[in-house]
Amino acid sequence: MTLSLESLEALDAIDRKGSFAAAAHEMGKVPSALTYVIRKLEDELDVLLFDRRRHRAELTPAGRTLLDEGRHLLQAADELERRVKRVATGWEATLTIALDGLIHFQALLPVIEDFYATNTATRLRFTREMLGGAWDALLAGRADLLIGPPHVGPAQGVRTRLLCNIPFVFAVATHHPLARAPEPLATQVIGCHRIVAVSDTSRSLPPRTIGILAGQDTLVVATLADKLHAQIRGVGCGWLPVPLAQPYLDSGALVAKTTVEDRSTNPLQIAWRNHMSGKALHWWIDKFNDPHLVQALVMQ
């Protein structure tokens, strides 16, 4: 291959130092060795990289283009070297965290900053999932850590830890027929009205539904925000997390209704596979011992 990291490093040093001699001193080489590297590169590319008519070594337009692009390669190579060294000490190359739609991502930004401050070189990847989607991602190996509701049924080879219980409220728009219905609302009464449900993002696991009754008319949406606005509009009813619904309950846009069947709380937990032992994973697991962070995760 014509280009090499050594030749790009030589170009970079000469440009920064202004001469072959100064660059050679910085790189711990004799000037003739550096001259050989550059002349060999020029011969192989069949272009002139330096204008040697001047006292200071100046790049030609072709040389400048090569160096500008080459510096990206040098930076990438340096980052790769750091990541490989960190991986060798137990830090993962990439950590993927699956977040349920209940989770307030903005609360994680200070934690992400703290993580980057450790200079681990581990890349973070966050995905947004709904209902059983986070568990589907974890069990299929697409995620290393999940933050969301419990799995329905047994999940072998997985460790979990409860974070908190999220309060839910059955809410309808003020002009919805159920807003004036006597409480507590019976199941058969709710079943006569359209419910707004969030679509499960699972790929392999059976899709989950929450609060949908047999034969009930259903509007399926993609996110909790979509569900909230559909219920404010009055096109359906359903359960909403209290932190998300509270401002609209306070303003009167939504009305809270008690029901015969109680679904007023839902647990929130983290989960990870037993065999995972990377330092980045356990760094994040330890962070969720902070009750202030846990509280912020569900505040909208």
C-alpha atoms as a PDB file:
ATOM      1  CA  MET A   1       0.000   0.000   0.000  1.00  0.00           C
ATOM      2  CA  THR A   2       1.380   3.428  -0.970  1.00  0.00           C
ATOM      3  CA  LEU A   3       0.177   5.308   2.115  1.00  0.00           C
ATOM      4  CA  SER A   4       1.286   4.350   5.598  1.00  0.00           C
ATOM      5  CA  LEU A   5       0.821   5.843   9.040  1.00  0.00           C
ATOM      6  CA  GLU A   6       4.575   6.481   9.124  1.00  0.00           C
ATOM      7  CA  SER A   7       4.462   8.618   5.985  1.00  0.00           C
ATOM      8  CA  LEU A   8       1.421  10.550   7.244  1.00  0.00           C
ATOM      9  CA  GLU A   9       3.126  11.140  10.596  1.00  0.00           C
ATOM     10  CA  ALA A  10       6.185  12.447   8.735  1.00  0.00           C
ATOM     11  CA  LEU A  11       4.041  14.819   6.661  1.00  0.00           C
ATOM     12  CA  ASP A  12       2.300  16.060   9.809  1.00  0.00           C
ATOM     13  CA  ALA A  13       5.560  16.654  11.695  1.00  0.00           C
ATOM     14  CA  ILE A  14       7.212  18.511   8.811  1.00  0.00           C
ATOM     15  CA  ASP A  15       4.170  20.755   8.366  1.00  0.00           C
ATOM     16  CA  ARG A  16       4.002  21.578  12.075  1.00  0.00           C
ATOM     17  CA  LYS A  17       7.734  22.089  12.589  1.00  0.00           C
ATOM     18  CA  GLY A  18       8.441  23.846   9.315  1.00  0.00           C
ATOM     19  CA  SER A  19      11.518  21.835   8.328  1.00  0.00           C
ATOM     20  CA  PHE A  20      12.682  18.285   7.738  1.00  0.00           C
ATOM     21  CA  ALA A  21      15.398  18.666  10.385  1.00  0.00           C
ATOM     22  CA  ALA A  22      13.041  19.852  13.144  1.00  0.00           C
ATOM     23  CA  ALA A  23      10.512  17.158  12.270  1.00  0.00           C
ATOM     24  CA  ALA A  24      13.204  14.475  12.297  1.00  0.00           C
ATOM     25  CA  HIS A  25      14.350  15.619  15.742  1.00  0.00           C
ATOM     26  CA  GLU A  26      10.779  15.400  17.085  1.00  0.00           C
ATOM     27  CA  MET A  27      10.337  11.898  15.655  1.00  0.00           C
ATOM     28  CA  GLY A  28      13.740  10.661  16.836  1.00  0.00           C
ATOM     29  CA  LYS A  29      15.034  10.123  13.310  1.00  0.00           C
ATOM     30  CA  VAL A  30      17.864  11.520  11.210  1.00  0.00           C
ATOM     31  CA  PRO A  31      16.786  14.029   8.533  1.00  0.00           C
ATOM     32  CA  SER A  32      17.904  11.715   5.713  1.00  0.00           C
ATOM     33  CA  ALA A  33      15.491   9.024   6.902  1.00  0.00           C
ATOM     34  CA  LEU A  34      12.594  11.474   6.814  1.00  0.00           C
ATOM     35  CA  THR A  35      13.645  12.714   3.379  1.00  0.00           C
ATOM     36  CA  TYR A  36      13.666   9.122   2.122  1.00  0.00           C
ATOM     37  CA  VAL A  37      10.122   8.489   3.435  1.00  0.00           C
ATOM     38  CA  ILE A  38       8.736  11.593   1.717  1.00  0.00           C
ATOM     39  CA  ARG A  39      10.568  11.061  -1.583  1.00  0.00           C
ATOM     40  CA  LYS A  40       9.403   7.434  -1.678  1.00  0.00           C
ATOM     41  CA  LEU A  41       5.825   8.572  -1.093  1.00  0.00           C
ATOM     42  CA  GLU A  42       6.094  11.212  -3.828  1.00  0.00           C
ATOM     43  CA  ASP A  43       7.480   8.650  -6.263  1.00  0.00           C
ATOM     44  CA  GLU A  44       4.714   6.145  -5.529  1.00  0.00           C
ATOM     45  CA  LEU A  45       1.957   8.754  -5.766  1.00  0.00           C
ATOM     46  CA  ASP A  46       3.669  10.499  -8.689  1.00  0.00           C
ATOM     47  CA  VAL A  47       2.976  13.915  -7.152  1.00  0.00           C
ATOM     48  CA  LEU A  48       5.114  16.619  -5.543  1.00  0.00           C
ATOM     49  CA  LEU A  49       4.151  17.036  -1.886  1.00  0.00           C
ATOM     50  CA  PHE A  50       6.570  19.804  -0.822  1.00  0.00           C
ATOM     51  CA  ASP A  51       7.758  22.966  -2.545  1.00  0.00           C
ATOM     52  CA  ARG A  52      11.501  22.753  -1.853  1.00  0.00           C
ATOM     53  CA  ARG A  53      12.334  26.097  -3.453  1.00  0.00           C
ATOM     54  CA  ARG A  54      11.602  27.934  -0.203  1.00  0.00           C
ATOM     55  CA  HIS A  55      13.554  28.056   3.044  1.00  0.00           C
ATOM     56  CA  ARG A  56      10.605  26.684   4.991  1.00  0.00           C
ATOM     57  CA  ALA A  57       9.179  23.324   3.894  1.00  0.00           C
ATOM     58  CA  GLU A  58       5.784  24.199   2.418  1.00  0.00           C
ATOM     59  CA  LEU A  59       3.198  21.743   1.195  1.00  0.00           C
ATOM     60  CA  THR A  60       1.955  21.885  -2.348  1.00  0.00           C
ATOM     61  CA  PRO A  61      -1.847  21.900  -2.865  1.00  0.00           C
ATOM     62  CA  ALA A  62      -1.662  18.139  -3.397  1.00  0.00           C
ATOM     63  CA  GLY A  63       0.394  17.724  -0.247  1.00  0.00           C
ATOM     64  CA  ARG A  64      -2.024  19.876   1.755  1.00  0.00           C
ATOM     65  CA  THR A  65      -4.971  17.793   0.600  1.00  0.00           C
ATOM     66  CA  LEU A  66      -3.186  14.586   1.511  1.00  0.00           C
ATOM     67  CA  LEU A  67      -2.243  15.874   4.965  1.00  0.00           C
ATOM     68  CA  ASP A  68      -5.695  17.312   5.754  1.00  0.00           C
ATOM     69  CA  GLU A  69      -7.341  13.982   4.976  1.00  0.00           C
ATOM     70  CA  GLY A  70      -4.474  11.996   6.450  1.00  0.00           C
ATOM     71  CA  ARG A  71      -4.825  13.698   9.827  1.00  0.00           C
ATOM     72  CA  HIS A  72      -8.280  12.147  10.119  1.00  0.00           C
ATOM     73  CA  LEU A  73      -6.663   8.745   9.607  1.00  0.00           C
ATOM     74  CA  LEU A  74      -3.978   9.490  12.206  1.00  0.00           C
ATOM     75  CA  GLN A  75      -6.637  10.523  14.711  1.00  0.00           C
ATOM     76  CA  ALA A  76      -8.685   7.401  13.980  1.00  0.00           C
ATOM     77  CA  ALA A  77      -5.603   5.206  14.369  1.00  0.00           C
ATOM     78  CA  ASP A  78      -4.781   6.866  17.696  1.00  0.00           C
ATOM     79  CA  GLU A  79      -8.336   6.354  18.921  1.00  0.00           C
ATOM     80  CA  LEU A  80      -8.278   2.731  17.800  1.00  0.00           C
ATOM     81  CA  GLU A  81      -5.021   2.144  19.673  1.00  0.00           C
ATOM     82  CA  ARG A  82      -6.456   3.647  22.847  1.00  0.00           C
ATOM     83  CA  ARG A  83      -9.638   1.592  22.560  1.00  0.00           C
ATOM     84  CA  VAL A  84      -7.721  -1.647  21.977  1.00  0.00           C
ATOM     85  CA  LYS A  85      -5.576  -0.976  25.054  1.00  0.00           C
ATOM     86  CA  ARG A  86      -8.641  -0.209  27.174  1.00  0.00           C
ATOM     87  CA  VAL A  87     -10.452  -3.315  25.926  1.00  0.00           C
ATOM     88  CA  ALA A  88      -7.415  -5.347  26.955  1.00  0.00           C
ATOM     89  CA  THR A  89      -7.866  -4.009  30.499  1.00  0.00           C
ATOM     90  CA  GLY A  90     -11.537  -5.052  30.661  1.00  0.00           C
ATOM     91  CA  TRP A  91     -13.390  -2.084  29.149  1.00  0.00           C
ATOM     92  CA  GLU A  92     -15.846  -2.958  26.372  1.00  0.00           C
ATOM     93  CA  ALA A  93     -15.382  -1.545  22.877  1.00  0.00           C
ATOM     94  CA  THR A  94     -19.116  -0.660  22.805  1.00  0.00           C
ATOM     95  CA  LEU A  95     -21.825  -0.690  25.460  1.00  0.00           C
ATOM     96  CA  THR A  96     -25.433  -0.723  24.248  1.00  0.00           C
ATOM     97  CA  ILE A  97     -28.168   0.354  26.658  1.00  0.00           C
ATOM     98  CA  ALA A  98     -31.820  -0.254  25.772  1.00  0.00           C
ATOM     99  CA  LEU A  99     -34.203   2.306  27.263  1.00  0.00           C
ATOM    100  CA  ASP A 100     -37.914   1.722  27.665  1.00  0.00           C
ATOM    101  CA  GLY A 101     -40.200   4.524  26.516  1.00  0.00           C
ATOM    102  CA  LEU A 102     -40.826   5.399  30.174  1.00  0.00           C
ATOM    103  CA  ILE A 103     -37.236   6.559  30.645  1.00  0.00           C
ATOM    104  CA  HIS A 104     -36.374  10.254  30.500  1.00  0.00           C
ATOM    105  CA  PHE A 105     -33.143  10.256  28.467  1.00  0.00           C
ATOM    106  CA  GLN A 106     -32.184  13.782  29.486  1.00  0.00           C
ATOM    107  CA  ALA A 107     -31.636  12.543  33.053  1.00  0.00           C
ATOM    108  CA  LEU A 108     -28.824  10.316  31.763  1.00  0.00           C
ATOM    109  CA  LEU A 109     -26.834  13.132  30.144  1.00  0.00           C
ATOM    110  CA  PRO A 110     -24.870  14.054  33.326  1.00  0.00           C
ATOM    111  CA  VAL A 111     -24.050  10.359  33.792  1.00  0.00           C
ATOM    112  CA  ILE A 112     -22.889  10.113  30.192  1.00  0.00           C
ATOM    113  CA  GLU A 113     -20.604  13.099  30.784  1.00  0.00           C
ATOM    114  CA  ASP A 114     -19.174  11.426  33.896  1.00  0.00           C
ATOM    115  CA  PHE A 115     -18.587   8.261  31.908  1.00  0.00           C
ATOM    116  CA  TYR A 116     -16.705  10.059  29.147  1.00  0.00           C
ATOM    117  CA  ALA A 117     -14.627  11.853  31.794  1.00  0.00           C
ATOM    118  CA  THR A 118     -13.190   8.477  32.811  1.00  0.00           C
ATOM    119  CA  ASN A 119     -11.566   8.308  29.335  1.00  0.00           C
ATOM    120  CA  THR A 120     -12.543   4.671  28.907  1.00  0.00           C
ATOM    121  CA  ALA A 121     -12.717   4.833  25.093  1.00  0.00           C
ATOM    122  CA  THR A 122     -15.849   2.661  25.308  1.00  0.00           C
ATOM    123  CA  ARG A 123     -18.461   3.807  22.820  1.00  0.00           C
ATOM    124  CA  LEU A 124     -21.977   4.247  24.170  1.00  0.00           C
ATOM    125  CA  ARG A 125     -25.057   3.364  22.158  1.00  0.00           C
ATOM    126  CA  PHE A 126     -28.599   3.972  23.376  1.00  0.00           C
ATOM    127  CA  THR A 127     -31.702   2.490  21.792  1.00  0.00           C
ATOM    128  CA  ARG A 128     -35.330   3.326  22.523  1.00  0.00           C
ATOM    129  CA  GLU A 129     -37.723   0.389  22.970  1.00  0.00           C
ATOM    130  CA  MET A 130     -41.349  -0.052  23.969  1.00  0.00           C
ATOM    131  CA  LEU A 131     -42.982  -2.673  26.220  1.00  0.00           C
ATOM    132  CA  GLY A 132     -41.108  -5.956  25.675  1.00  0.00           C
ATOM    133  CA  GLY A 133     -38.688  -4.471  23.147  1.00  0.00           C
ATOM    134  CA  ALA A 134     -35.923  -3.787  25.672  1.00  0.00           C
ATOM    135  CA  TRP A 135     -36.051  -7.395  26.877  1.00  0.00           C
ATOM    136  CA  ASP A 136     -36.073  -8.641  23.319  1.00  0.00           C
ATOM    137  CA  ALA A 137     -32.898  -6.619  22.647  1.00  0.00           C
ATOM    138  CA  LEU A 138     -31.186  -7.871  25.827  1.00  0.00           C
ATOM    139  CA  LEU A 139     -32.007 -11.547  25.347  1.00  0.00           C
ATOM    140  CA  ALA A 140     -31.045 -11.435  21.666  1.00  0.00           C
ATOM    141  CA  GLY A 141     -27.692  -9.822  22.472  1.00  0.00           C
ATOM    142  CA  ARG A 142     -28.467  -6.483  20.794  1.00  0.00           C
ATOM    143  CA  ALA A 143     -28.230  -4.712  24.171  1.00  0.00           C
ATOM    144  CA  ASP A 144     -25.949  -5.162  27.178  1.00  0.00           C
ATOM    145  CA  LEU A 145     -28.104  -3.378  29.747  1.00  0.00           C
ATOM    146  CA  LEU A 146     -31.769  -2.474  29.854  1.00  0.00           C
ATOM    147  CA  ILE A 147     -33.757   0.024  31.870  1.00  0.00           C
ATOM    148  CA  GLY A 148     -37.431  -0.755  31.811  1.00  0.00           C
ATOM    149  CA  PRO A 149     -40.293  -2.863  33.172  1.00  0.00           C
ATOM    150  CA  PRO A 150     -39.877  -6.510  34.237  1.00  0.00           C
ATOM    151  CA  HIS A 151     -39.932  -9.375  31.781  1.00  0.00           C
ATOM    152  CA  VAL A 152     -43.162 -11.323  31.447  1.00  0.00           C
ATOM    153  CA  GLY A 153     -42.263 -14.884  32.393  1.00  0.00           C
ATOM    154  CA  PRO A 154     -38.866 -16.380  33.287  1.00  0.00           C
ATOM    155  CA  ALA A 155     -35.661 -14.984  31.806  1.00  0.00           C
ATOM    156  CA  GLN A 156     -32.756 -17.386  32.251  1.00  0.00           C
ATOM    157  CA  GLY A 157     -29.183 -16.171  32.517  1.00  0.00           C
ATOM    158  CA  VAL A 158     -30.233 -12.635  33.432  1.00  0.00           C
ATOM    159  CA  ARG A 159     -29.741 -10.581  36.582  1.00  0.00           C
ATOM    160  CA  THR A 160     -32.174  -7.833  37.536  1.00  0.00           C
ATOM    161  CA  ARG A 161     -32.396  -5.088  40.119  1.00  0.00           C
ATOM    162  CA  LEU A 162     -35.491  -3.100  41.055  1.00  0.00           C
ATOM    163  CA  LEU A 163     -35.061   0.655  40.752  1.00  0.00           C
ATOM    164  CA  CYS A 164     -38.476   1.970  41.750  1.00  0.00           C
ATOM    165  CA  ASN A 165     -42.210   1.717  41.187  1.00  0.00           C
ATOM    166  CA  ILE A 166     -43.726   4.160  38.713  1.00  0.00           C
ATOM    167  CA  PRO A 167     -47.240   5.430  39.524  1.00  0.00           C
ATOM    168  CA  PHE A 168     -49.788   5.215  36.689  1.00  0.00           C
ATOM    169  CA  VAL A 169     -53.152   6.886  36.287  1.00  0.00           C
ATOM    170  CA  PHE A 170     -56.151   6.050  34.122  1.00  0.00           C
ATOM    171  CA  ALA A 171     -56.787   9.324  32.326  1.00  0.00           C
ATOM    172  CA  VAL A 172     -59.242  10.708  29.795  1.00  0.00           C
ATOM    173  CA  ALA A 173     -59.852  14.073  28.183  1.00  0.00           C
ATOM    174  CA  THR A 174     -62.360  16.338  29.911  1.00  0.00           C
ATOM    175  CA  HIS A 175     -64.763  15.948  26.957  1.00  0.00           C
ATOM    176  CA  HIS A 176     -64.408  12.146  26.789  1.00  0.00           C
ATOM    177  CA  PRO A 177     -67.587  10.198  27.764  1.00  0.00           C
ATOM    178  CA  LEU A 178     -65.714   8.411  30.593  1.00  0.00           C
ATOM    179  CA  ALA A 179     -64.905  11.762  32.225  1.00  0.00           C
ATOM    180  CA  ARG A 180     -68.492  11.921  33.480  1.00  0.00           C
ATOM    181  CA  ALA A 181     -68.925   8.220  34.192  1.00  0.00           C
ATOM    182  CA  PRO A 182     -69.399   7.142  37.854  1.00  0.00           C
ATOM    183  CA  GLU A 183     -66.346   5.706  39.628  1.00  0.00           C
ATOM    184  CA  PRO A 184     -64.756   3.312  40.018  1.00  0.00           C
ATOM    185  CA  LEU A 185     -64.924   2.483  36.329  1.00  0.00           C
ATOM    186  CA  ALA A 186     -65.864  -1.146  35.760  1.00  0.00           C
ATOM    187  CA  THR A 187     -63.889  -3.213  33.269  1.00  0.00           C
ATOM    188  CA  GLN A 188     -66.892  -3.697  31.013  1.00  0.00           C
ATOM    189  CA  VAL A 189     -67.505   0.063  30.946  1.00  0.00           C
ATOM    190  CA  ILE A 190     -63.915   0.793  29.895  1.00  0.00           C
ATOM    191  CA  GLY A 191     -64.137  -1.953  27.273  1.00  0.00           C
ATOM    192  CA  CYS A 192     -66.869  -0.040  25.438  1.00  0.00           C
ATOM    193  CA  HIS A 193     -64.429   2.773  24.615  1.00  0.00           C
ATOM    194  CA  ARG A 194     -61.362   2.953  22.406  1.00  0.00           C
ATOM    195  CA  ILE A 195     -58.054   2.531  24.208  1.00  0.00           C
ATOM    196  CA  VAL A 196     -54.779   4.110  23.095  1.00  0.00           C
ATOM    197  CA  ALA A 197     -51.878   1.634  23.191  1.00  0.00           C
ATOM    198  CA  VAL A 198     -48.175   1.877  22.439  1.00  0.00           C
ATOM    199  CA  SER A 199     -46.763  -0.576  19.903  1.00  0.00           C
ATOM    200  CA  ASP A 200     -44.364  -3.229  21.211  1.00  0.00           C
ATOM    201  CA  THR A 201     -40.944  -3.027  19.495  1.00  0.00           C
ATOM    202  CA  SER A 202     -40.033  -6.688  20.094  1.00  0.00           C
ATOM    203  CA  ARG A 203     -38.596  -8.540  17.101  1.00  0.00           C
ATOM    204  CA  SER A 204     -38.591 -12.102  18.441  1.00  0.00           C
ATOM    205  CA  LEU A 205     -40.578 -12.138  21.692  1.00  0.00           C
ATOM    206  CA  PRO A 206     -44.386 -12.209  21.500  1.00  0.00           C
ATOM    207  CA  PRO A 207     -45.662  -8.608  21.461  1.00  0.00           C
ATOM    208  CA  ARG A 208     -47.016  -7.377  24.776  1.00  0.00           C
ATOM    209  CA  THR A 209     -50.178  -5.420  25.394  1.00  0.00           C
ATOM    210  CA  ILE A 210     -51.112  -3.643  28.601  1.00  0.00           C
ATOM    211  CA  GLY A 211     -54.640  -2.752  29.626  1.00  0.00           C
ATOM    212  CA  ILE A 212     -56.292  -3.823  26.361  1.00  0.00           C
ATOM    213  CA  LEU A 213     -59.483  -5.789  26.879  1.00  0.00           C
ATOM    214  CA  ALA A 214     -60.748  -8.562  24.620  1.00  0.00           C
ATOM    215  CA  GLY A 215     -62.560  -7.094  21.638  1.00  0.00           C
ATOM    216  CA  GLN A 216     -61.783  -3.492  22.645  1.00  0.00           C
ATOM    217  CA  ASP A 217     -61.306  -0.937  19.869  1.00  0.00           C
ATOM    218  CA  THR A 218     -57.624   0.036  19.909  1.00  0.00           C
ATOM    219  CA  LEU A 219     -55.567   2.909  18.530  1.00  0.00           C
ATOM    220  CA  VAL A 220     -51.907   1.844  18.351  1.00  0.00           C
ATOM    221  CA  VAL A 221     -49.235   4.576  18.406  1.00  0.00           C
ATOM    222  CA  ALA A 222     -45.437   4.564  18.428  1.00  0.00           C
ATOM    223  CA  THR A 223     -44.508   6.455  21.606  1.00  0.00           C
ATOM    224  CA  LEU A 224     -45.815   7.478  25.002  1.00  0.00           C
ATOM    225  CA  ALA A 225     -45.836  11.093  23.844  1.00  0.00           C
ATOM    226  CA  ASP A 226     -48.130  10.105  20.964  1.00  0.00           C
ATOM    227  CA  LYS A 227     -50.355   8.210  23.409  1.00  0.00           C
ATOM    228  CA  LEU A 228     -50.525  11.210  25.728  1.00  0.00           C
ATOM    229  CA  HIS A 229     -51.571  13.610  22.982  1.00  0.00           C
ATOM    230  CA  ALA A 230     -54.120  11.181  21.560  1.00  0.00           C
ATOM    231  CA  GLN A 231     -55.758  10.930  24.989  1.00  0.00           C
ATOM    232  CA  ILE A 232     -55.681  14.701  25.469  1.00  0.00           C
ATOM    233  CA  ARG A 233     -57.430  14.967  22.099  1.00  0.00           C
ATOM    234  CA  GLY A 234     -60.086  12.578  23.347  1.00  0.00           C
ATOM    235  CA  VAL A 235     -59.688   9.914  20.675  1.00  0.00           C
ATOM    236  CA  GLY A 236     -59.145   7.235  23.318  1.00  0.00           C
ATOM    237  CA  CYS A 237     -58.509   6.423  26.961  1.00  0.00           C
ATOM    238  CA  GLY A 238     -55.841   4.522  28.861  1.00  0.00           C
ATOM    239  CA  TRP A 239     -53.182   4.375  31.545  1.00  0.00           C
ATOM    240  CA  LEU A 240     -50.382   6.942  31.619  1.00  0.00           C
ATOM    241  CA  PRO A 241     -47.338   7.343  33.875  1.00  0.00           C
ATOM    242  CA  VAL A 242     -48.170   9.999  36.460  1.00  0.00           C
ATOM    243  CA  PRO A 243     -44.983  12.074  35.873  1.00  0.00           C
ATOM    244  CA  LEU A 244     -45.952  12.367  32.196  1.00  0.00           C
ATOM    245  CA  ALA A 245     -49.645  13.039  32.785  1.00  0.00           C
ATOM    246  CA  GLN A 246     -49.449  15.294  35.874  1.00  0.00           C
ATOM    247  CA  PRO A 247     -49.061  18.674  34.105  1.00  0.00           C
ATOM    248  CA  TYR A 248     -52.148  17.919  32.023  1.00  0.00           C
ATOM    249  CA  LEU A 249     -54.093  16.707  35.037  1.00  0.00           C
ATOM    250  CA  ASP A 250     -53.164  19.950  36.813  1.00  0.00           C
ATOM    251  CA  SER A 251     -54.241  22.067  33.826  1.00  0.00           C
ATOM    252  CA  GLY A 252     -57.524  20.202  33.420  1.00  0.00           C
ATOM    253  CA  ALA A 253     -56.716  18.844  29.965  1.00  0.00           C
ATOM    254  CA  LEU A 254     -56.941  15.330  31.430  1.00  0.00           C
ATOM    255  CA  VAL A 255     -59.128  13.847  34.141  1.00  0.00           C
ATOM    256  CA  ALA A 256     -57.942  11.024  36.419  1.00  0.00           C
ATOM    257  CA  LYS A 257     -60.437   8.201  36.943  1.00  0.00           C
ATOM    258  CA  THR A 258     -60.343   5.384  39.465  1.00  0.00           C
ATOM    259  CA  THR A 259     -60.970   1.881  38.169  1.00  0.00           C
ATOM    260  CA  VAL A 260     -62.146  -1.391  39.667  1.00  0.00           C
ATOM    261  CA  GLU A 261     -59.001  -3.103  38.383  1.00  0.00           C
ATOM    262  CA  ASP A 262     -55.948  -1.477  39.937  1.00  0.00           C
ATOM    263  CA  ARG A 263     -52.925  -0.926  37.659  1.00  0.00           C
ATOM    264  CA  SER A 264     -51.700   2.134  39.534  1.00  0.00           C
ATOM    265  CA  THR A 265     -48.009   1.132  39.792  1.00  0.00           C
ATOM    266  CA  ASN A 266     -45.483  -0.497  37.504  1.00  0.00           C
ATOM    267  CA  PRO A 267     -41.986  -1.573  38.575  1.00  0.00           C
ATOM    268  CA  LEU A 268     -38.899  -0.206  36.853  1.00  0.00           C
ATOM    269  CA  GLN A 269     -35.687  -2.227  36.861  1.00  0.00           C
ATOM    270  CA  ILE A 270     -32.315  -2.689  35.248  1.00  0.00           C
ATOM    271  CA  ALA A 271     -31.261  -6.028  33.797  1.00  0.00           C
ATOM    272  CA  TRP A 272     -28.115  -7.526  32.289  1.00  0.00           C
ATOM    273  CA  ARG A 273     -26.888 -10.951  31.221  1.00  0.00           C
ATOM    274  CA  ASN A 274     -25.037 -13.030  33.845  1.00  0.00           C
ATOM    275  CA  HIS A 275     -21.934 -13.682  31.774  1.00  0.00           C
ATOM    276  CA  MET A 276     -21.291  -9.994  31.072  1.00  0.00           C
ATOM    277  CA  SER A 277     -18.445  -8.719  33.246  1.00  0.00           C
ATOM    278  CA  GLY A 278     -17.094  -5.662  31.414  1.00  0.00           C
ATOM    279  CA  LYS A 279     -16.009  -2.644  33.415  1.00  0.00           C
ATOM    280  CA  ALA A 280     -18.239  -0.237  31.503  1.00  0.00           C
ATOM    281  CA  LEU A 281     -21.340  -2.322  32.233  1.00  0.00           C
ATOM    282  CA  HIS A 282     -20.612  -2.459  35.943  1.00  0.00           C
ATOM    283  CA  TRP A 283     -19.740   1.237  36.013  1.00  0.00           C
ATOM    284  CA  TRP A 284     -23.280   1.951  34.795  1.00  0.00           C
ATOM    285  CA  ILE A 285     -24.865  -0.590  37.129  1.00  0.00           C
ATOM    286  CA  ASP A 286     -23.205   1.133  40.092  1.00  0.00           C
ATOM    287  CA  LYS A 287     -24.530   4.504  38.939  1.00  0.00           C
ATOM    288  CA  PHE A 288     -28.093   3.303  39.353  1.00  0.00           C
ATOM    289  CA  ASN A 289     -27.545   3.064  43.112  1.00  0.00           C
ATOM    290  CA  ASP A 290     -28.131   6.821  43.166  1.00  0.00           C
ATOM    291  CA  PRO A 291     -31.776   7.446  44.210  1.00  0.00           C
ATOM    292  CA  HIS A 292     -31.706  10.961  42.736  1.00  0.00           C
ATOM    293  CA  LEU A 293     -30.808   9.536  39.321  1.00  0.00           C
ATOM    294  CA  VAL A 294     -33.536   6.899  39.586  1.00  0.00           C
ATOM    295  CA  GLN A 295     -36.099   9.569  40.419  1.00  0.00           C
ATOM    296  CA  ALA A 296     -34.956  11.753  37.524  1.00  0.00           C
ATOM    297  CA  LEU A 297     -35.313   8.864  35.077  1.00  0.00           C
ATOM    298  CA  VAL A 298     -39.093   8.904  35.348  1.00  0.00           C
ATOM    299  CA  MET A 299     -39.630  12.655  35.628  1.00  0.00           C
ATOM    300  CA  GLN A 300     -40.860  14.093  32.311  1.00  0.00           C
END
